[in-house]
Amino acid sequence: MHFDSFTAFLAMGNHGLYVWLSYGLTALIVIWNLLLPGLQRRRLLKQQAQRLRREKKHAPTA
């Protein structure tokens, strides 16, 4: 497809809003899917460390 100007490229034949919104949402979803596992892992490790500290604190001494 050939566009006469950058403005015409952004407008995409009056479909620009749909096209660029779709690209933007796709990018956000991909970024979210890349970041979420790392955030969940960090939260899980923090919870496990807290659980281990609690268990060590309340463990009977022999």
C-alpha atoms as a PDB file:
ATOM      1  CA  MET A   1       0.000   0.000   0.000  1.00  0.00           C
ATOM      2  CA  HIS A   2       1.326   3.461  -0.873  1.00  0.00           C
ATOM      3  CA  PHE A   3       0.603   6.634   1.113  1.00  0.00           C
ATOM      4  CA  ASP A   4       1.167  10.179  -0.123  1.00  0.00           C
ATOM      5  CA  SER A   5       2.135  11.571   3.294  1.00  0.00           C
ATOM      6  CA  PHE A   6       2.783  10.548   6.857  1.00  0.00           C
ATOM      7  CA  THR A   7      -0.621  11.953   7.839  1.00  0.00           C
ATOM      8  CA  ALA A   8      -2.267   9.706   5.253  1.00  0.00           C
ATOM      9  CA  PHE A   9      -0.288   6.796   6.648  1.00  0.00           C
ATOM     10  CA  LEU A  10      -1.556   7.525  10.165  1.00  0.00           C
ATOM     11  CA  ALA A  11      -5.140   7.955   8.908  1.00  0.00           C
ATOM     12  CA  MET A  12      -5.012   4.622   7.017  1.00  0.00           C
ATOM     13  CA  GLY A  13      -7.904   5.587   4.778  1.00  0.00           C
ATOM     14  CA  ASN A  14     -10.075   6.640   7.776  1.00  0.00           C
ATOM     15  CA  HIS A  15      -9.351   3.324   9.521  1.00  0.00           C
ATOM     16  CA  GLY A  16      -6.342   4.649  11.443  1.00  0.00           C
ATOM     17  CA  LEU A  17      -8.059   4.760  14.814  1.00  0.00           C
ATOM     18  CA  TYR A  18      -8.980   1.082  14.596  1.00  0.00           C
ATOM     19  CA  VAL A  19      -5.600   0.037  13.185  1.00  0.00           C
ATOM     20  CA  TRP A  20      -3.439   1.933  15.695  1.00  0.00           C
ATOM     21  CA  LEU A  21      -5.695   1.051  18.620  1.00  0.00           C
ATOM     22  CA  SER A  22      -5.392  -2.616  17.662  1.00  0.00           C
ATOM     23  CA  TYR A  23      -1.595  -2.369  17.465  1.00  0.00           C
ATOM     24  CA  GLY A  24      -1.468  -0.552  20.800  1.00  0.00           C
ATOM     25  CA  LEU A  25      -3.682  -3.064  22.594  1.00  0.00           C
ATOM     26  CA  THR A  26      -1.712  -5.949  21.134  1.00  0.00           C
ATOM     27  CA  ALA A  27       1.550  -4.401  22.335  1.00  0.00           C
ATOM     28  CA  LEU A  28       0.118  -3.873  25.830  1.00  0.00           C
ATOM     29  CA  ILE A  29      -1.105  -7.469  26.029  1.00  0.00           C
ATOM     30  CA  VAL A  30       2.258  -8.840  24.883  1.00  0.00           C
ATOM     31  CA  ILE A  31       4.136  -6.667  27.399  1.00  0.00           C
ATOM     32  CA  TRP A  32       1.709  -7.702  30.155  1.00  0.00           C
ATOM     33  CA  ASN A  33       2.196 -11.377  29.295  1.00  0.00           C
ATOM     34  CA  LEU A  34       5.971 -10.933  29.465  1.00  0.00           C
ATOM     35  CA  LEU A  35       5.947  -9.077  32.799  1.00  0.00           C
ATOM     36  CA  LEU A  36       3.246 -10.975  34.710  1.00  0.00           C
ATOM     37  CA  PRO A  37       5.147 -14.258  35.292  1.00  0.00           C
ATOM     38  CA  GLY A  38       8.125 -12.374  36.732  1.00  0.00           C
ATOM     39  CA  LEU A  39       5.892 -10.364  39.054  1.00  0.00           C
ATOM     40  CA  GLN A  40       4.081 -13.510  40.184  1.00  0.00           C
ATOM     41  CA  ARG A  41       7.396 -15.285  40.793  1.00  0.00           C
ATOM     42  CA  ARG A  42       8.685 -12.393  42.889  1.00  0.00           C
ATOM     43  CA  ARG A  43       5.476 -12.378  44.954  1.00  0.00           C
ATOM     44  CA  LEU A  44       5.624 -16.159  45.444  1.00  0.00           C
ATOM     45  CA  LEU A  45       9.262 -16.034  46.578  1.00  0.00           C
ATOM     46  CA  LYS A  46       8.424 -13.246  49.021  1.00  0.00           C
ATOM     47  CA  GLN A  47       5.489 -15.235  50.439  1.00  0.00           C
ATOM     48  CA  GLN A  48       7.617 -18.358  50.792  1.00  0.00           C
ATOM     49  CA  ALA A  49      10.372 -16.421  52.583  1.00  0.00           C
ATOM     50  CA  GLN A  50       7.790 -14.991  55.005  1.00  0.00           C
ATOM     51  CA  ARG A  51       6.344 -18.465  55.600  1.00  0.00           C
ATOM     52  CA  LEU A  52       9.808 -19.902  56.308  1.00  0.00           C
ATOM     53  CA  ARG A  53      10.582 -17.075  58.760  1.00  0.00           C
ATOM     54  CA  ARG A  54       7.276 -17.697  60.582  1.00  0.00           C
ATOM     55  CA  GLU A  55       7.908 -21.421  60.749  1.00  0.00           C
ATOM     56  CA  LYS A  56      11.463 -20.907  62.003  1.00  0.00           C
ATOM     57  CA  LYS A  57      10.241 -18.405  64.604  1.00  0.00           C
ATOM     58  CA  HIS A  58       7.558 -20.772  65.955  1.00  0.00           C
ATOM     59  CA  ALA A  59       9.525 -23.995  65.598  1.00  0.00           C
ATOM     60  CA  PRO A  60      10.068 -25.890  68.856  1.00  0.00           C
ATOM     61  CA  THR A  61      13.636 -25.793  70.025  1.00  0.00           C
ATOM     62  CA  ALA A  62      15.211 -29.136  70.777  1.00  0.00           C
END
